[in-house]
Amino acid sequence: MNGSHEARVFANPAGSDIVIFVHGLYGSPRQFDGLADAVFRQGCSYAALLLPGHGGSARDFASGTFERWQGHVDSEIERYSRDFKNIWLVGHSMGGLLAINAAVKFSELVRGVFTIACPFKITMFSTYAIKIRMRQIFGKKNDPVKRAYLSSKSVVLSPNLIWHNHKPTAEFKKLLLTARSNLSGVRVPVTAVYSTSDELTSFASHEIMKKELVKAPFELVVLTESLHAYYTECEQDVIEQALLKMVL
């Protein structure tokens, strides 16, 4: 396992709230470093999870399933509920889908859900998406976009990843359908962050959330410059302020 992508937990003795961060497919707990530090400074504890199958080889990644990902998130919520009064869920991409499912299952424990680029519609095969992907592969080492995408991936990149990608991708699709069916059952406040420049998650995903979150207060935060796993400094501040607004 790659130690730089291990799960992180910091308890703040002064607070009764914990924010649980859930990364997406291929993602890493380290994606949330800035947000985690921000909530910690405000008195919240936090836990940045590492999902099953992540943090290691392509073969490890192939072992990931919808049930294992969701089961891990659910068990962590149950564990932290023994020590904390209020639980807030933050999910990037697929992590947002997992957070939505958990919010329905643990409606008495979870106080709110904060999603970033939650993918109810996908645009990964568009010309624009391919262009961004080429920049990740062939961009210069000091390209901030390339650096952001490399640091956000906890799965070791190798030719074997192509052969081990099929099963997790199918499991992701199953998860997406389940989360969409669960939207109508969410009863806690939901803040959703979407960027009009995201190359993987369609901005139109917010329309699905707004329409189907019939029992939950919904707030949309719109970005214009950030990509799926790259966020400008200015828009990182926007996300941070929106999260603090929900939690505090």
C-alpha atoms as a PDB file:
ATOM      1  CA  MET A   1       0.000   0.000   0.000  1.00  0.00           C
ATOM      2  CA  ASN A   2       1.163   3.522  -0.795  1.00  0.00           C
ATOM      3  CA  GLY A   3       1.634   5.246   2.553  1.00  0.00           C
ATOM      4  CA  SER A   4       1.098   8.699   1.096  1.00  0.00           C
ATOM      5  CA  HIS A   5      -2.558   7.762   0.493  1.00  0.00           C
ATOM      6  CA  GLU A   6      -3.400   6.238   3.858  1.00  0.00           C
ATOM      7  CA  ALA A   7      -6.588   7.190   5.667  1.00  0.00           C
ATOM      8  CA  ARG A   8      -6.251  10.176   7.999  1.00  0.00           C
ATOM      9  CA  VAL A   9      -8.073  10.819  11.279  1.00  0.00           C
ATOM     10  CA  PHE A  10      -7.680  13.853  13.533  1.00  0.00           C
ATOM     11  CA  ALA A  11      -9.813  14.183  16.655  1.00  0.00           C
ATOM     12  CA  ASN A  12     -10.536  17.611  18.107  1.00  0.00           C
ATOM     13  CA  PRO A  13     -11.295  17.123  21.828  1.00  0.00           C
ATOM     14  CA  ALA A  14     -13.158  20.437  21.979  1.00  0.00           C
ATOM     15  CA  GLY A  15     -15.858  19.466  19.470  1.00  0.00           C
ATOM     16  CA  SER A  16     -18.752  17.017  19.156  1.00  0.00           C
ATOM     17  CA  ASP A  17     -18.813  17.091  15.325  1.00  0.00           C
ATOM     18  CA  ILE A  18     -16.881  15.002  12.833  1.00  0.00           C
ATOM     19  CA  VAL A  19     -16.599  15.463   9.072  1.00  0.00           C
ATOM     20  CA  ILE A  20     -16.068  12.239   7.118  1.00  0.00           C
ATOM     21  CA  PHE A  21     -14.435  12.693   3.708  1.00  0.00           C
ATOM     22  CA  VAL A  22     -14.983  10.079   0.986  1.00  0.00           C
ATOM     23  CA  HIS A  23     -12.919  10.099  -2.216  1.00  0.00           C
ATOM     24  CA  GLY A  24     -13.981   8.852  -5.633  1.00  0.00           C
ATOM     25  CA  LEU A  25     -12.932   6.116  -8.036  1.00  0.00           C
ATOM     26  CA  TYR A  26      -9.087   5.983  -8.202  1.00  0.00           C
ATOM     27  CA  GLY A  27      -9.082   8.812  -5.651  1.00  0.00           C
ATOM     28  CA  SER A  28      -7.161   9.524  -2.465  1.00  0.00           C
ATOM     29  CA  PRO A  29      -7.843  10.833   1.056  1.00  0.00           C
ATOM     30  CA  ARG A  30      -5.178  13.453   0.371  1.00  0.00           C
ATOM     31  CA  GLN A  31      -7.521  15.242  -2.020  1.00  0.00           C
ATOM     32  CA  PHE A  32      -9.241  16.673   1.055  1.00  0.00           C
ATOM     33  CA  ASP A  33      -6.199  17.990   2.915  1.00  0.00           C
ATOM     34  CA  GLY A  34      -7.187  21.642   2.546  1.00  0.00           C
ATOM     35  CA  LEU A  35     -10.838  21.138   3.459  1.00  0.00           C
ATOM     36  CA  ALA A  36      -9.938  18.842   6.341  1.00  0.00           C
ATOM     37  CA  ASP A  37      -7.569  21.403   7.821  1.00  0.00           C
ATOM     38  CA  ALA A  38     -10.256  24.076   7.460  1.00  0.00           C
ATOM     39  CA  VAL A  39     -12.909  22.186   9.428  1.00  0.00           C
ATOM     40  CA  PHE A  40     -10.340  21.158  12.031  1.00  0.00           C
ATOM     41  CA  ARG A  41      -9.424  24.806  12.628  1.00  0.00           C
ATOM     42  CA  GLN A  42     -13.099  25.467  13.307  1.00  0.00           C
ATOM     43  CA  GLY A  43     -13.271  22.825  16.037  1.00  0.00           C
ATOM     44  CA  CYS A  44     -14.433  19.753  14.080  1.00  0.00           C
ATOM     45  CA  SER A  45     -12.749  16.392  14.024  1.00  0.00           C
ATOM     46  CA  TYR A  46     -12.328  14.711  10.657  1.00  0.00           C
ATOM     47  CA  ALA A  47     -11.716  11.344   9.040  1.00  0.00           C
ATOM     48  CA  ALA A  48     -10.533  11.031   5.439  1.00  0.00           C
ATOM     49  CA  LEU A  49     -11.290   7.465   4.362  1.00  0.00           C
ATOM     50  CA  LEU A  50      -9.405   5.182   1.990  1.00  0.00           C
ATOM     51  CA  LEU A  51     -11.887   3.022   0.094  1.00  0.00           C
ATOM     52  CA  PRO A  52     -11.279  -0.721  -0.396  1.00  0.00           C
ATOM     53  CA  GLY A  53      -9.174  -1.517  -3.460  1.00  0.00           C
ATOM     54  CA  HIS A  54      -7.454   1.872  -3.378  1.00  0.00           C
ATOM     55  CA  GLY A  55      -3.980   2.858  -2.247  1.00  0.00           C
ATOM     56  CA  GLY A  56      -2.249  -0.046  -3.964  1.00  0.00           C
ATOM     57  CA  SER A  57      -1.814  -1.958  -7.200  1.00  0.00           C
ATOM     58  CA  ALA A  58      -4.083  -2.417 -10.193  1.00  0.00           C
ATOM     59  CA  ARG A  59      -4.851  -5.924  -8.927  1.00  0.00           C
ATOM     60  CA  ASP A  60      -5.911  -4.479  -5.564  1.00  0.00           C
ATOM     61  CA  PHE A  61      -8.113  -2.002  -7.403  1.00  0.00           C
ATOM     62  CA  ALA A  62      -9.906  -4.813  -9.226  1.00  0.00           C
ATOM     63  CA  SER A  63     -11.131  -6.146  -5.871  1.00  0.00           C
ATOM     64  CA  GLY A  64     -13.255  -3.049  -5.293  1.00  0.00           C
ATOM     65  CA  THR A  65     -17.029  -3.506  -5.411  1.00  0.00           C
ATOM     66  CA  PHE A  66     -20.086  -1.403  -4.716  1.00  0.00           C
ATOM     67  CA  GLU A  67     -20.782  -3.475  -1.595  1.00  0.00           C
ATOM     68  CA  ARG A  68     -17.217  -3.165  -0.271  1.00  0.00           C
ATOM     69  CA  TRP A  69     -17.052   0.598  -0.852  1.00  0.00           C
ATOM     70  CA  GLN A  70     -20.456   1.248   0.685  1.00  0.00           C
ATOM     71  CA  GLY A  71     -19.858  -1.193   3.491  1.00  0.00           C
ATOM     72  CA  HIS A  72     -16.648   0.587   4.463  1.00  0.00           C
ATOM     73  CA  VAL A  73     -18.307   4.011   4.532  1.00  0.00           C
ATOM     74  CA  ASP A  74     -21.247   2.665   6.529  1.00  0.00           C
ATOM     75  CA  SER A  75     -19.044   0.914   9.088  1.00  0.00           C
ATOM     76  CA  GLU A  76     -16.970   4.071   9.609  1.00  0.00           C
ATOM     77  CA  ILE A  77     -20.119   6.105  10.224  1.00  0.00           C
ATOM     78  CA  GLU A  78     -21.277   3.571  12.792  1.00  0.00           C
ATOM     79  CA  ARG A  79     -17.861   3.613  14.462  1.00  0.00           C
ATOM     80  CA  TYR A  80     -17.625   7.396  14.732  1.00  0.00           C
ATOM     81  CA  SER A  81     -21.237   7.732  15.869  1.00  0.00           C
ATOM     82  CA  ARG A  82     -20.169   6.234  19.185  1.00  0.00           C
ATOM     83  CA  ASP A  83     -17.935   9.219  19.923  1.00  0.00           C
ATOM     84  CA  PHE A  84     -19.489  12.117  18.017  1.00  0.00           C
ATOM     85  CA  LYS A  85     -22.928  13.695  18.189  1.00  0.00           C
ATOM     86  CA  ASN A  86     -22.990  15.153  14.687  1.00  0.00           C
ATOM     87  CA  ILE A  87     -21.649  13.541  11.509  1.00  0.00           C
ATOM     88  CA  TRP A  88     -21.201  15.422   8.239  1.00  0.00           C
ATOM     89  CA  LEU A  89     -20.364  13.645   4.986  1.00  0.00           C
ATOM     90  CA  VAL A  90     -18.222  15.113   2.207  1.00  0.00           C
ATOM     91  CA  GLY A  91     -17.807  13.165  -1.023  1.00  0.00           C
ATOM     92  CA  HIS A  92     -15.886  13.879  -4.202  1.00  0.00           C
ATOM     93  CA  SER A  93     -17.213  12.282  -7.402  1.00  0.00           C
ATOM     94  CA  MET A  94     -18.108   8.646  -6.585  1.00  0.00           C
ATOM     95  CA  GLY A  95     -17.664   9.529  -2.919  1.00  0.00           C
ATOM     96  CA  GLY A  96     -20.708  11.755  -3.243  1.00  0.00           C
ATOM     97  CA  LEU A  97     -22.787   8.785  -4.381  1.00  0.00           C
ATOM     98  CA  LEU A  98     -21.615   6.768  -1.374  1.00  0.00           C
ATOM     99  CA  ALA A  99     -22.435   9.688   0.929  1.00  0.00           C
ATOM    100  CA  ILE A 100     -25.969   9.962  -0.453  1.00  0.00           C
ATOM    101  CA  ASN A 101     -26.632   6.271   0.171  1.00  0.00           C
ATOM    102  CA  ALA A 102     -25.248   6.566   3.700  1.00  0.00           C
ATOM    103  CA  ALA A 103     -27.357   9.652   4.449  1.00  0.00           C
ATOM    104  CA  VAL A 104     -30.495   7.638   3.728  1.00  0.00           C
ATOM    105  CA  LYS A 105     -29.397   4.640   5.794  1.00  0.00           C
ATOM    106  CA  PHE A 106     -28.170   6.753   8.728  1.00  0.00           C
ATOM    107  CA  SER A 107     -30.725   9.563   8.652  1.00  0.00           C
ATOM    108  CA  GLU A 108     -30.598   9.900  12.450  1.00  0.00           C
ATOM    109  CA  LEU A 109     -26.800  10.213  12.540  1.00  0.00           C
ATOM    110  CA  VAL A 110     -25.872  12.250   9.469  1.00  0.00           C
ATOM    111  CA  ARG A 111     -26.556  15.996   9.720  1.00  0.00           C
ATOM    112  CA  GLY A 112     -25.702  17.001   6.164  1.00  0.00           C
ATOM    113  CA  VAL A 113     -24.115  15.943   2.868  1.00  0.00           C
ATOM    114  CA  PHE A 114     -21.615  17.990   0.864  1.00  0.00           C
ATOM    115  CA  THR A 115     -20.849  16.671  -2.621  1.00  0.00           C
ATOM    116  CA  ILE A 116     -18.233  17.796  -5.132  1.00  0.00           C
ATOM    117  CA  ALA A 117     -18.679  16.764  -8.786  1.00  0.00           C
ATOM    118  CA  CYS A 118     -21.205  14.059  -7.908  1.00  0.00           C
ATOM    119  CA  PRO A 119     -21.596  12.205 -11.235  1.00  0.00           C
ATOM    120  CA  PHE A 120     -25.226  11.601 -12.134  1.00  0.00           C
ATOM    121  CA  LYS A 121     -24.373  12.389 -15.759  1.00  0.00           C
ATOM    122  CA  ILE A 122     -21.013  11.603 -17.371  1.00  0.00           C
ATOM    123  CA  THR A 123     -19.163  13.467 -20.139  1.00  0.00           C
ATOM    124  CA  MET A 124     -15.898  11.507 -20.114  1.00  0.00           C
ATOM    125  CA  PHE A 125     -16.067  10.602 -23.814  1.00  0.00           C
ATOM    126  CA  SER A 126     -16.452  14.140 -25.127  1.00  0.00           C
ATOM    127  CA  THR A 127     -13.719  15.806 -27.178  1.00  0.00           C
ATOM    128  CA  TYR A 128     -13.110  18.202 -24.304  1.00  0.00           C
ATOM    129  CA  ALA A 129     -12.665  15.319 -21.843  1.00  0.00           C
ATOM    130  CA  ILE A 130     -10.175  13.596 -24.126  1.00  0.00           C
ATOM    131  CA  LYS A 131      -8.222  16.850 -24.427  1.00  0.00           C
ATOM    132  CA  ILE A 132      -7.928  17.123 -20.645  1.00  0.00           C
ATOM    133  CA  ARG A 133      -6.898  13.465 -20.439  1.00  0.00           C
ATOM    134  CA  MET A 134      -4.130  14.051 -22.981  1.00  0.00           C
ATOM    135  CA  ARG A 135      -2.928  16.984 -20.907  1.00  0.00           C
ATOM    136  CA  GLN A 136      -2.681  14.697 -17.882  1.00  0.00           C
ATOM    137  CA  ILE A 137      -0.604  12.189 -19.839  1.00  0.00           C
ATOM    138  CA  PHE A 138       1.566  14.383 -22.032  1.00  0.00           C
ATOM    139  CA  GLY A 139       1.660  17.660 -20.128  1.00  0.00           C
ATOM    140  CA  LYS A 140       4.893  19.019 -18.706  1.00  0.00           C
ATOM    141  CA  LYS A 141       5.902  17.938 -15.214  1.00  0.00           C
ATOM    142  CA  ASN A 142       5.244  21.403 -13.809  1.00  0.00           C
ATOM    143  CA  ASP A 143       1.755  21.612 -15.348  1.00  0.00           C
ATOM    144  CA  PRO A 144      -0.550  22.247 -12.345  1.00  0.00           C
ATOM    145  CA  VAL A 145      -3.334  20.180 -13.922  1.00  0.00           C
ATOM    146  CA  LYS A 146      -1.047  17.183 -14.474  1.00  0.00           C
ATOM    147  CA  ARG A 147       0.298  17.456 -10.917  1.00  0.00           C
ATOM    148  CA  ALA A 148      -3.205  17.656  -9.449  1.00  0.00           C
ATOM    149  CA  TYR A 149      -4.408  14.549 -11.250  1.00  0.00           C
ATOM    150  CA  LEU A 150      -1.313  12.525 -10.389  1.00  0.00           C
ATOM    151  CA  SER A 151      -1.549  13.426  -6.706  1.00  0.00           C
ATOM    152  CA  SER A 152      -5.284  12.654  -6.583  1.00  0.00           C
ATOM    153  CA  LYS A 153      -4.863   9.038  -7.755  1.00  0.00           C
ATOM    154  CA  SER A 154      -4.093   6.426  -5.114  1.00  0.00           C
ATOM    155  CA  VAL A 155      -4.035   3.484  -7.550  1.00  0.00           C
ATOM    156  CA  VAL A 156      -0.597   2.713  -8.952  1.00  0.00           C
ATOM    157  CA  LEU A 157      -0.629   3.589 -12.649  1.00  0.00           C
ATOM    158  CA  SER A 158       0.525   0.708 -14.847  1.00  0.00           C
ATOM    159  CA  PRO A 159      -0.443  -1.067 -18.086  1.00  0.00           C
ATOM    160  CA  ASN A 160      -2.147  -3.701 -15.915  1.00  0.00           C
ATOM    161  CA  LEU A 161      -4.690  -1.107 -14.818  1.00  0.00           C
ATOM    162  CA  ILE A 162      -6.391  -1.369 -18.212  1.00  0.00           C
ATOM    163  CA  TRP A 163      -7.125  -5.068 -17.645  1.00  0.00           C
ATOM    164  CA  HIS A 164      -8.233  -4.618 -14.050  1.00  0.00           C
ATOM    165  CA  ASN A 165     -10.492  -1.645 -14.698  1.00  0.00           C
ATOM    166  CA  HIS A 166     -13.562  -3.443 -16.041  1.00  0.00           C
ATOM    167  CA  LYS A 167     -15.045  -4.748 -12.797  1.00  0.00           C
ATOM    168  CA  PRO A 168     -14.734  -1.522 -10.727  1.00  0.00           C
ATOM    169  CA  THR A 169     -16.246   0.438 -13.626  1.00  0.00           C
ATOM    170  CA  ALA A 170     -19.257  -1.890 -13.686  1.00  0.00           C
ATOM    171  CA  GLU A 171     -19.569  -1.578  -9.913  1.00  0.00           C
ATOM    172  CA  PHE A 172     -19.485   2.216 -10.216  1.00  0.00           C
ATOM    173  CA  LYS A 173     -22.441   2.105 -12.612  1.00  0.00           C
ATOM    174  CA  LYS A 174     -24.379  -0.015 -10.140  1.00  0.00           C
ATOM    175  CA  LEU A 175     -23.582   2.481  -7.399  1.00  0.00           C
ATOM    176  CA  LEU A 176     -24.706   5.422  -9.538  1.00  0.00           C
ATOM    177  CA  LEU A 177     -28.113   3.878 -10.175  1.00  0.00           C
ATOM    178  CA  THR A 178     -28.577   3.057  -6.492  1.00  0.00           C
ATOM    179  CA  ALA A 179     -27.632   6.558  -5.368  1.00  0.00           C
ATOM    180  CA  ARG A 180     -29.994   8.139  -7.865  1.00  0.00           C
ATOM    181  CA  SER A 181     -32.874   6.008  -6.599  1.00  0.00           C
ATOM    182  CA  ASN A 182     -31.970   7.083  -3.050  1.00  0.00           C
ATOM    183  CA  LEU A 183     -32.080  10.826  -3.719  1.00  0.00           C
ATOM    184  CA  SER A 184     -35.785  11.017  -2.921  1.00  0.00           C
ATOM    185  CA  GLY A 185     -35.100   9.479   0.485  1.00  0.00           C
ATOM    186  CA  VAL A 186     -32.496  12.024   1.625  1.00  0.00           C
ATOM    187  CA  ARG A 187     -33.864  14.199   4.441  1.00  0.00           C
ATOM    188  CA  VAL A 188     -30.783  16.197   5.495  1.00  0.00           C
ATOM    189  CA  PRO A 189     -29.390  19.372   3.892  1.00  0.00           C
ATOM    190  CA  VAL A 190     -27.357  18.786   0.731  1.00  0.00           C
ATOM    191  CA  THR A 191     -24.849  21.193  -0.787  1.00  0.00           C
ATOM    192  CA  ALA A 192     -23.618  20.233  -4.250  1.00  0.00           C
ATOM    193  CA  VAL A 193     -20.558  21.743  -5.930  1.00  0.00           C
ATOM    194  CA  TYR A 194     -20.323  21.521  -9.722  1.00  0.00           C
ATOM    195  CA  SER A 195     -18.012  23.144 -12.251  1.00  0.00           C
ATOM    196  CA  THR A 196     -19.107  24.098 -15.737  1.00  0.00           C
ATOM    197  CA  SER A 197     -15.571  23.140 -16.861  1.00  0.00           C
ATOM    198  CA  ASP A 198     -15.600  19.623 -15.355  1.00  0.00           C
ATOM    199  CA  GLU A 199     -14.535  17.192 -18.071  1.00  0.00           C
ATOM    200  CA  LEU A 200     -15.955  14.035 -16.451  1.00  0.00           C
ATOM    201  CA  THR A 201     -19.059  14.972 -14.469  1.00  0.00           C
ATOM    202  CA  SER A 202     -21.662  16.814 -16.513  1.00  0.00           C
ATOM    203  CA  PHE A 203     -22.817  20.099 -15.028  1.00  0.00           C
ATOM    204  CA  ALA A 204     -26.343  18.884 -15.821  1.00  0.00           C
ATOM    205  CA  SER A 205     -25.971  16.456 -12.900  1.00  0.00           C
ATOM    206  CA  HIS A 206     -27.146  19.253 -10.630  1.00  0.00           C
ATOM    207  CA  GLU A 207     -30.525  19.261 -12.375  1.00  0.00           C
ATOM    208  CA  ILE A 208     -31.060  15.628 -11.355  1.00  0.00           C
ATOM    209  CA  MET A 209     -30.180  16.385  -7.746  1.00  0.00           C
ATOM    210  CA  LYS A 210     -32.389  19.459  -7.609  1.00  0.00           C
ATOM    211  CA  LYS A 211     -35.336  17.582  -9.113  1.00  0.00           C
ATOM    212  CA  GLU A 212     -35.095  14.393  -7.086  1.00  0.00           C
ATOM    213  CA  LEU A 213     -34.056  15.713  -3.670  1.00  0.00           C
ATOM    214  CA  VAL A 214     -37.712  16.296  -2.831  1.00  0.00           C
ATOM    215  CA  LYS A 215     -37.332  15.988   0.951  1.00  0.00           C
ATOM    216  CA  ALA A 216     -33.987  17.714   1.482  1.00  0.00           C
ATOM    217  CA  PRO A 217     -32.909  21.382   1.467  1.00  0.00           C
ATOM    218  CA  PHE A 218     -30.637  21.785  -1.542  1.00  0.00           C
ATOM    219  CA  GLU A 219     -27.952  24.370  -2.273  1.00  0.00           C
ATOM    220  CA  LEU A 220     -25.922  24.567  -5.485  1.00  0.00           C
ATOM    221  CA  VAL A 221     -22.405  26.011  -5.662  1.00  0.00           C
ATOM    222  CA  VAL A 222     -21.277  26.768  -9.217  1.00  0.00           C
ATOM    223  CA  LEU A 223     -17.627  26.877 -10.277  1.00  0.00           C
ATOM    224  CA  THR A 224     -16.468  27.940 -13.720  1.00  0.00           C
ATOM    225  CA  GLU A 225     -12.718  27.302 -13.955  1.00  0.00           C
ATOM    226  CA  SER A 226     -12.055  24.035 -12.115  1.00  0.00           C
ATOM    227  CA  LEU A 227     -11.851  20.558 -13.614  1.00  0.00           C
ATOM    228  CA  HIS A 228     -12.859  17.212 -12.114  1.00  0.00           C
ATOM    229  CA  ALA A 229      -9.774  16.834  -9.917  1.00  0.00           C
ATOM    230  CA  TYR A 230      -8.088  20.205 -10.398  1.00  0.00           C
ATOM    231  CA  TYR A 231      -9.388  23.267  -8.563  1.00  0.00           C
ATOM    232  CA  THR A 232      -8.059  26.780  -8.882  1.00  0.00           C
ATOM    233  CA  GLU A 233      -6.952  28.468  -5.689  1.00  0.00           C
ATOM    234  CA  CYS A 234      -9.838  30.930  -5.844  1.00  0.00           C
ATOM    235  CA  GLU A 235     -12.437  28.204  -6.321  1.00  0.00           C
ATOM    236  CA  GLN A 236     -10.876  26.073  -3.593  1.00  0.00           C
ATOM    237  CA  ASP A 237     -11.688  28.977  -1.283  1.00  0.00           C
ATOM    238  CA  VAL A 238     -15.275  28.992  -2.570  1.00  0.00           C
ATOM    239  CA  ILE A 239     -15.639  25.279  -1.753  1.00  0.00           C
ATOM    240  CA  GLU A 240     -14.090  25.759   1.687  1.00  0.00           C
ATOM    241  CA  GLN A 241     -16.451  28.593   2.593  1.00  0.00           C
ATOM    242  CA  ALA A 242     -19.475  26.623   1.391  1.00  0.00           C
ATOM    243  CA  LEU A 243     -18.455  23.616   3.496  1.00  0.00           C
ATOM    244  CA  LEU A 244     -17.866  25.720   6.598  1.00  0.00           C
ATOM    245  CA  LYS A 245     -21.241  27.364   6.081  1.00  0.00           C
ATOM    246  CA  MET A 246     -22.927  23.947   6.184  1.00  0.00           C
ATOM    247  CA  VAL A 247     -20.962  22.510   9.095  1.00  0.00           C
ATOM    248  CA  LEU A 248     -20.995  25.621  11.285  1.00  0.00           C
END
